């Protein structure tokens, strides 16, 4: 059981570690110190739900409904392109709006809804949790619960560290120029992910 737990923790951590829309948003909220706990919980609980479904064998649904894959791909790509465009606009605009101390804040409802969208409309999330984690968990017959627990623990630990650890970068990111760079990088990452989805699809 311990081996399954450690494997689940390691597999989930390696998948979540990649820079993506979800991680970029958590980092940004952490730097702003804005609704961090809510955003972290939304992402971690969403992952926990998807991991639970994947480990319990729901990955077979994507195989039985192949038409679902292209729909998820194009919806996710469109969302990422839109998110990237907004980041590029903010980077070009610059000014105090990108300063976490003086910029316009996001409401709790707005942050949670955006976090839900950026999580559940991302095709990578389903590939990672339903397909990859689900298929790997099936190898630990009789110890799937251990693998599930490790994967869920990894998700909560990573998102908490990313959201609350971002505060250590606050002195650097307090400068509007640094926020412009961050927004530009986020825009590039979002568009790169979207293009990767399209060309791989």
C-alpha atoms as a PDB file:
ATOM      1  CA  UNK A   1       0.000   0.000   0.000  1.00  0.00           C
ATOM      2  CA  UNK A   2       2.875   2.381   0.812  1.00  0.00           C
ATOM      3  CA  UNK A   3       4.437   1.716  -2.583  1.00  0.00           C
ATOM      4  CA  UNK A   4       1.137   2.512  -4.299  1.00  0.00           C
ATOM      5  CA  UNK A   5       0.801   5.719  -2.252  1.00  0.00           C
ATOM      6  CA  UNK A   6       4.310   6.903  -3.142  1.00  0.00           C
ATOM      7  CA  UNK A   7       3.778   6.066  -6.796  1.00  0.00           C
ATOM      8  CA  UNK A   8       0.491   7.946  -6.827  1.00  0.00           C
ATOM      9  CA  UNK A   9       2.114  10.957  -5.180  1.00  0.00           C
ATOM     10  CA  UNK A  10       5.019  10.976  -7.627  1.00  0.00           C
ATOM     11  CA  UNK A  11       2.949  10.481 -10.765  1.00  0.00           C
ATOM     12  CA  UNK A  12       0.449  13.217  -9.858  1.00  0.00           C
ATOM     13  CA  UNK A  13       3.207  15.635  -8.826  1.00  0.00           C
ATOM     14  CA  UNK A  14       5.095  15.184 -12.094  1.00  0.00           C
ATOM     15  CA  UNK A  15       1.916  15.839 -14.097  1.00  0.00           C
ATOM     16  CA  UNK A  16       0.832  18.903 -12.101  1.00  0.00           C
ATOM     17  CA  UNK A  17       4.348  20.389 -12.088  1.00  0.00           C
ATOM     18  CA  UNK A  18       4.183  21.424 -15.741  1.00  0.00           C
ATOM     19  CA  UNK A  19       3.394  25.119 -16.236  1.00  0.00           C
ATOM     20  CA  UNK A  20      -0.167  25.557 -17.391  1.00  0.00           C
ATOM     21  CA  UNK A  21      -3.138  27.875 -17.224  1.00  0.00           C
ATOM     22  CA  UNK A  22      -4.194  26.540 -13.837  1.00  0.00           C
ATOM     23  CA  UNK A  23      -0.768  26.932 -12.242  1.00  0.00           C
ATOM     24  CA  UNK A  24      -0.269  30.358 -13.774  1.00  0.00           C
ATOM     25  CA  UNK A  25      -3.579  31.564 -12.322  1.00  0.00           C
ATOM     26  CA  UNK A  26      -2.780  30.214  -8.844  1.00  0.00           C
ATOM     27  CA  UNK A  27       0.650  31.870  -8.976  1.00  0.00           C
ATOM     28  CA  UNK A  28      -0.904  35.162  -9.964  1.00  0.00           C
ATOM     29  CA  UNK A  29      -3.500  35.011  -7.185  1.00  0.00           C
ATOM     30  CA  UNK A  30      -0.771  34.093  -4.718  1.00  0.00           C
ATOM     31  CA  UNK A  31       1.310  37.089  -5.744  1.00  0.00           C
ATOM     32  CA  UNK A  32      -1.717  39.329  -5.310  1.00  0.00           C
ATOM     33  CA  UNK A  33      -2.588  37.577  -2.005  1.00  0.00           C
ATOM     34  CA  UNK A  34      -6.135  37.498  -3.319  1.00  0.00           C
ATOM     35  CA  UNK A  35      -8.560  34.639  -2.499  1.00  0.00           C
ATOM     36  CA  UNK A  36      -5.596  32.228  -2.378  1.00  0.00           C
ATOM     37  CA  UNK A  37      -7.225  29.642  -0.113  1.00  0.00           C
ATOM     38  CA  UNK A  38     -10.399  29.525  -2.213  1.00  0.00           C
ATOM     39  CA  UNK A  39      -8.467  29.166  -5.471  1.00  0.00           C
ATOM     40  CA  UNK A  40      -6.197  26.465  -4.038  1.00  0.00           C
ATOM     41  CA  UNK A  41      -9.174  24.515  -2.700  1.00  0.00           C
ATOM     42  CA  UNK A  42     -11.090  24.770  -5.982  1.00  0.00           C
ATOM     43  CA  UNK A  43      -8.127  23.423  -7.956  1.00  0.00           C
ATOM     44  CA  UNK A  44      -7.239  20.707  -5.444  1.00  0.00           C
ATOM     45  CA  UNK A  45     -10.836  19.522  -4.995  1.00  0.00           C
ATOM     46  CA  UNK A  46     -11.397  19.523  -8.764  1.00  0.00           C
ATOM     47  CA  UNK A  47      -8.280  17.398  -9.191  1.00  0.00           C
ATOM     48  CA  UNK A  48      -9.427  15.096  -6.390  1.00  0.00           C
ATOM     49  CA  UNK A  49     -12.769  14.543  -8.143  1.00  0.00           C
ATOM     50  CA  UNK A  50     -11.126  13.834 -11.496  1.00  0.00           C
ATOM     51  CA  UNK A  51      -8.502  11.568  -9.941  1.00  0.00           C
ATOM     52  CA  UNK A  52     -11.229   9.665  -8.127  1.00  0.00           C
ATOM     53  CA  UNK A  53     -13.119   9.174 -11.385  1.00  0.00           C
ATOM     54  CA  UNK A  54      -9.945   8.146 -13.215  1.00  0.00           C
ATOM     55  CA  UNK A  55      -8.831   5.642 -10.581  1.00  0.00           C
ATOM     56  CA  UNK A  56     -12.318   4.143 -10.370  1.00  0.00           C
ATOM     57  CA  UNK A  57     -12.160   3.231 -14.039  1.00  0.00           C
ATOM     58  CA  UNK A  58     -14.018   6.074 -15.742  1.00  0.00           C
ATOM     59  CA  UNK A  59     -11.187   6.406 -18.259  1.00  0.00           C
ATOM     60  CA  UNK A  60     -13.021   3.777 -20.327  1.00  0.00           C
ATOM     61  CA  UNK A  61     -15.644   6.410 -21.160  1.00  0.00           C
ATOM     62  CA  UNK A  62     -13.218   8.387 -23.311  1.00  0.00           C
ATOM     63  CA  UNK A  63     -12.491   5.219 -25.260  1.00  0.00           C
ATOM     64  CA  UNK A  64     -16.153   4.388 -25.768  1.00  0.00           C
ATOM     65  CA  UNK A  65     -16.968   7.978 -26.818  1.00  0.00           C
ATOM     66  CA  UNK A  66     -14.156   8.982 -29.184  1.00  0.00           C
ATOM     67  CA  UNK A  67     -16.213  11.905 -30.545  1.00  0.00           C
ATOM     68  CA  UNK A  68     -15.858  13.589 -27.161  1.00  0.00           C
ATOM     69  CA  UNK A  69     -12.103  14.092 -27.594  1.00  0.00           C
ATOM     70  CA  UNK A  70     -12.132  16.635 -30.481  1.00  0.00           C
ATOM     71  CA  UNK A  71     -14.894  18.658 -28.812  1.00  0.00           C
ATOM     72  CA  UNK A  72     -12.853  18.920 -25.613  1.00  0.00           C
ATOM     73  CA  UNK A  73      -9.755  19.790 -27.631  1.00  0.00           C
ATOM     74  CA  UNK A  74     -11.264  22.714 -29.539  1.00  0.00           C
ATOM     75  CA  UNK A  75     -13.112  24.123 -26.533  1.00  0.00           C
ATOM     76  CA  UNK A  76      -9.943  23.989 -24.477  1.00  0.00           C
ATOM     77  CA  UNK A  77      -7.809  25.522 -27.230  1.00  0.00           C
ATOM     78  CA  UNK A  78     -10.266  28.392 -27.732  1.00  0.00           C
ATOM     79  CA  UNK A  79     -10.348  29.101 -24.009  1.00  0.00           C
ATOM     80  CA  UNK A  80      -6.538  29.096 -23.777  1.00  0.00           C
ATOM     81  CA  UNK A  81      -6.218  31.417 -26.782  1.00  0.00           C
ATOM     82  CA  UNK A  82      -8.653  33.831 -25.146  1.00  0.00           C
ATOM     83  CA  UNK A  83      -6.854  33.710 -21.814  1.00  0.00           C
ATOM     84  CA  UNK A  84      -3.514  34.274 -23.545  1.00  0.00           C
ATOM     85  CA  UNK A  85      -4.890  37.263 -25.467  1.00  0.00           C
ATOM     86  CA  UNK A  86      -6.059  38.885 -22.230  1.00  0.00           C
ATOM     87  CA  UNK A  87      -2.604  38.370 -20.696  1.00  0.00           C
ATOM     88  CA  UNK A  88      -0.898  39.930 -23.723  1.00  0.00           C
ATOM     89  CA  UNK A  89      -3.256  42.916 -23.508  1.00  0.00           C
ATOM     90  CA  UNK A  90      -2.456  43.434 -19.822  1.00  0.00           C
ATOM     91  CA  UNK A  91       1.259  43.122 -20.522  1.00  0.00           C
ATOM     92  CA  UNK A  92       1.064  45.744 -23.264  1.00  0.00           C
ATOM     93  CA  UNK A  93      -1.136  48.025 -21.150  1.00  0.00           C
ATOM     94  CA  UNK A  94       1.156  47.948 -18.117  1.00  0.00           C
ATOM     95  CA  UNK A  95       0.769  50.585 -15.435  1.00  0.00           C
ATOM     96  CA  UNK A  96      -0.651  50.340 -11.946  1.00  0.00           C
ATOM     97  CA  UNK A  97      -3.321  47.846 -13.036  1.00  0.00           C
ATOM     98  CA  UNK A  98      -0.675  45.136 -12.846  1.00  0.00           C
ATOM     99  CA  UNK A  99       0.588  46.202  -9.421  1.00  0.00           C
ATOM    100  CA  UNK A 100      -0.779  43.777  -6.777  1.00  0.00           C
ATOM    101  CA  UNK A 101      -0.882  46.565  -4.208  1.00  0.00           C
ATOM    102  CA  UNK A 102      -2.931  49.031  -6.250  1.00  0.00           C
ATOM    103  CA  UNK A 103      -4.513  47.090  -9.100  1.00  0.00           C
ATOM    104  CA  UNK A 104      -8.202  46.375  -9.308  1.00  0.00           C
ATOM    105  CA  UNK A 105      -8.977  43.232  -7.401  1.00  0.00           C
ATOM    106  CA  UNK A 106     -11.019  40.228  -8.461  1.00  0.00           C
ATOM    107  CA  UNK A 107     -14.134  39.279  -6.531  1.00  0.00           C
ATOM    108  CA  UNK A 108     -14.231  35.944  -4.767  1.00  0.00           C
ATOM    109  CA  UNK A 109     -17.020  34.772  -7.063  1.00  0.00           C
ATOM    110  CA  UNK A 110     -15.110  35.889 -10.147  1.00  0.00           C
ATOM    111  CA  UNK A 111     -11.920  34.166  -9.030  1.00  0.00           C
ATOM    112  CA  UNK A 112     -13.704  30.905  -8.229  1.00  0.00           C
ATOM    113  CA  UNK A 113     -15.685  30.866 -11.493  1.00  0.00           C
ATOM    114  CA  UNK A 114     -12.600  31.628 -13.545  1.00  0.00           C
ATOM    115  CA  UNK A 115     -10.651  28.953 -11.687  1.00  0.00           C
ATOM    116  CA  UNK A 116     -13.400  26.409 -12.377  1.00  0.00           C
ATOM    117  CA  UNK A 117     -13.397  27.320 -16.062  1.00  0.00           C
ATOM    118  CA  UNK A 118      -9.639  27.177 -16.449  1.00  0.00           C
ATOM    119  CA  UNK A 119      -9.624  23.795 -14.707  1.00  0.00           C
ATOM    120  CA  UNK A 120     -12.608  21.997 -16.253  1.00  0.00           C
ATOM    121  CA  UNK A 121     -12.209  23.370 -19.790  1.00  0.00           C
ATOM    122  CA  UNK A 122      -8.588  22.275 -20.029  1.00  0.00           C
ATOM    123  CA  UNK A 123      -8.266  19.025 -22.042  1.00  0.00           C
ATOM    124  CA  UNK A 124      -4.914  18.325 -20.380  1.00  0.00           C
ATOM    125  CA  UNK A 125      -6.703  17.882 -17.054  1.00  0.00           C
ATOM    126  CA  UNK A 126      -8.787  15.023 -18.439  1.00  0.00           C
ATOM    127  CA  UNK A 127      -5.826  13.437 -20.182  1.00  0.00           C
ATOM    128  CA  UNK A 128      -3.740  13.567 -17.016  1.00  0.00           C
ATOM    129  CA  UNK A 129      -6.366  12.499 -14.483  1.00  0.00           C
ATOM    130  CA  UNK A 130      -8.829  10.285 -16.325  1.00  0.00           C
ATOM    131  CA  UNK A 131      -6.501   8.599 -18.788  1.00  0.00           C
ATOM    132  CA  UNK A 132      -2.929   8.642 -17.471  1.00  0.00           C
ATOM    133  CA  UNK A 133      -3.549   8.424 -13.729  1.00  0.00           C
ATOM    134  CA  UNK A 134      -6.478   6.086 -14.288  1.00  0.00           C
ATOM    135  CA  UNK A 135      -4.436   3.691 -16.412  1.00  0.00           C
ATOM    136  CA  UNK A 136      -1.422   3.727 -14.078  1.00  0.00           C
ATOM    137  CA  UNK A 137      -3.618   3.143 -11.023  1.00  0.00           C
ATOM    138  CA  UNK A 138      -5.015   0.002 -12.638  1.00  0.00           C
ATOM    139  CA  UNK A 139      -1.557  -1.552 -12.353  1.00  0.00           C
ATOM    140  CA  UNK A 140      -1.797  -1.485  -8.560  1.00  0.00           C
ATOM    141  CA  UNK A 141      -4.518  -4.077  -8.285  1.00  0.00           C
ATOM    142  CA  UNK A 142      -5.786  -4.295  -4.732  1.00  0.00           C
ATOM    143  CA  UNK A 143      -3.960  -1.109  -3.730  1.00  0.00           C
ATOM    144  CA  UNK A 144      -5.807   1.424  -5.882  1.00  0.00           C
ATOM    145  CA  UNK A 145      -6.925   3.283  -2.755  1.00  0.00           C
ATOM    146  CA  UNK A 146      -3.304   3.856  -1.795  1.00  0.00           C
ATOM    147  CA  UNK A 147      -2.473   5.162  -5.253  1.00  0.00           C
ATOM    148  CA  UNK A 148      -5.541   7.424  -5.163  1.00  0.00           C
ATOM    149  CA  UNK A 149      -4.585   8.789  -1.730  1.00  0.00           C
ATOM    150  CA  UNK A 150      -1.057   9.562  -2.899  1.00  0.00           C
ATOM    151  CA  UNK A 151      -2.254  11.357  -6.026  1.00  0.00           C
ATOM    152  CA  UNK A 152      -4.818  13.447  -4.130  1.00  0.00           C
ATOM    153  CA  UNK A 153      -2.306  14.333  -1.403  1.00  0.00           C
ATOM    154  CA  UNK A 154       0.167  15.429  -4.057  1.00  0.00           C
ATOM    155  CA  UNK A 155      -2.412  17.703  -5.655  1.00  0.00           C
ATOM    156  CA  UNK A 156      -3.320  19.438  -2.384  1.00  0.00           C
ATOM    157  CA  UNK A 157       0.340  19.821  -1.376  1.00  0.00           C
ATOM    158  CA  UNK A 158       1.439  21.255  -4.723  1.00  0.00           C
ATOM    159  CA  UNK A 159      -1.368  23.791  -5.101  1.00  0.00           C
ATOM    160  CA  UNK A 160      -0.979  24.971  -1.503  1.00  0.00           C
ATOM    161  CA  UNK A 161       2.775  25.410  -1.924  1.00  0.00           C
ATOM    162  CA  UNK A 162       2.303  27.275  -5.216  1.00  0.00           C
ATOM    163  CA  UNK A 163      -0.417  29.596  -3.938  1.00  0.00           C
ATOM    164  CA  UNK A 164       0.981  30.464  -0.537  1.00  0.00           C
ATOM    165  CA  UNK A 165       4.647  30.185  -1.511  1.00  0.00           C
ATOM    166  CA  UNK A 166       4.181  32.835  -4.194  1.00  0.00           C
ATOM    167  CA  UNK A 167       4.200  35.447  -1.427  1.00  0.00           C
ATOM    168  CA  UNK A 168       7.960  35.115  -1.212  1.00  0.00           C
ATOM    169  CA  UNK A 169       8.144  36.665  -4.687  1.00  0.00           C
ATOM    170  CA  UNK A 170       5.958  39.624  -3.688  1.00  0.00           C
ATOM    171  CA  UNK A 171       8.857  42.135  -3.289  1.00  0.00           C
ATOM    172  CA  UNK A 172       9.999  41.443  -6.844  1.00  0.00           C
ATOM    173  CA  UNK A 173       6.526  41.339  -8.354  1.00  0.00           C
ATOM    174  CA  UNK A 174       5.503  44.600  -6.648  1.00  0.00           C
ATOM    175  CA  UNK A 175       7.095  46.405  -9.597  1.00  0.00           C
ATOM    176  CA  UNK A 176       4.681  46.982 -12.522  1.00  0.00           C
ATOM    177  CA  UNK A 177       7.460  46.048 -14.992  1.00  0.00           C
ATOM    178  CA  UNK A 178       7.742  42.597 -13.396  1.00  0.00           C
ATOM    179  CA  UNK A 179       3.995  42.094 -13.740  1.00  0.00           C
ATOM    180  CA  UNK A 180       4.214  43.025 -17.419  1.00  0.00           C
ATOM    181  CA  UNK A 181       6.849  40.336 -17.914  1.00  0.00           C
ATOM    182  CA  UNK A 182       4.759  37.779 -15.992  1.00  0.00           C
ATOM    183  CA  UNK A 183       1.666  38.556 -18.067  1.00  0.00           C
ATOM    184  CA  UNK A 184       3.697  38.209 -21.274  1.00  0.00           C
ATOM    185  CA  UNK A 185       5.122  34.863 -20.174  1.00  0.00           C
ATOM    186  CA  UNK A 186       1.658  33.619 -19.192  1.00  0.00           C
ATOM    187  CA  UNK A 187       0.310  34.669 -22.596  1.00  0.00           C
ATOM    188  CA  UNK A 188       3.102  32.788 -24.391  1.00  0.00           C
ATOM    189  CA  UNK A 189       2.530  29.678 -22.286  1.00  0.00           C
ATOM    190  CA  UNK A 190      -1.224  29.715 -22.898  1.00  0.00           C
ATOM    191  CA  UNK A 191      -0.840  30.103 -26.671  1.00  0.00           C
ATOM    192  CA  UNK A 192       1.885  27.454 -26.794  1.00  0.00           C
ATOM    193  CA  UNK A 193      -0.365  24.984 -24.982  1.00  0.00           C
ATOM    194  CA  UNK A 194      -3.292  25.815 -27.290  1.00  0.00           C
ATOM    195  CA  UNK A 195      -1.168  25.376 -30.437  1.00  0.00           C
ATOM    196  CA  UNK A 196       0.221  22.124 -29.044  1.00  0.00           C
ATOM    197  CA  UNK A 197      -3.316  20.821 -28.508  1.00  0.00           C
ATOM    198  CA  UNK A 198      -4.346  21.734 -32.059  1.00  0.00           C
ATOM    199  CA  UNK A 199      -1.315  20.248 -33.825  1.00  0.00           C
ATOM    200  CA  UNK A 200      -1.339  17.091 -31.713  1.00  0.00           C
ATOM    201  CA  UNK A 201      -5.064  16.762 -32.273  1.00  0.00           C
END
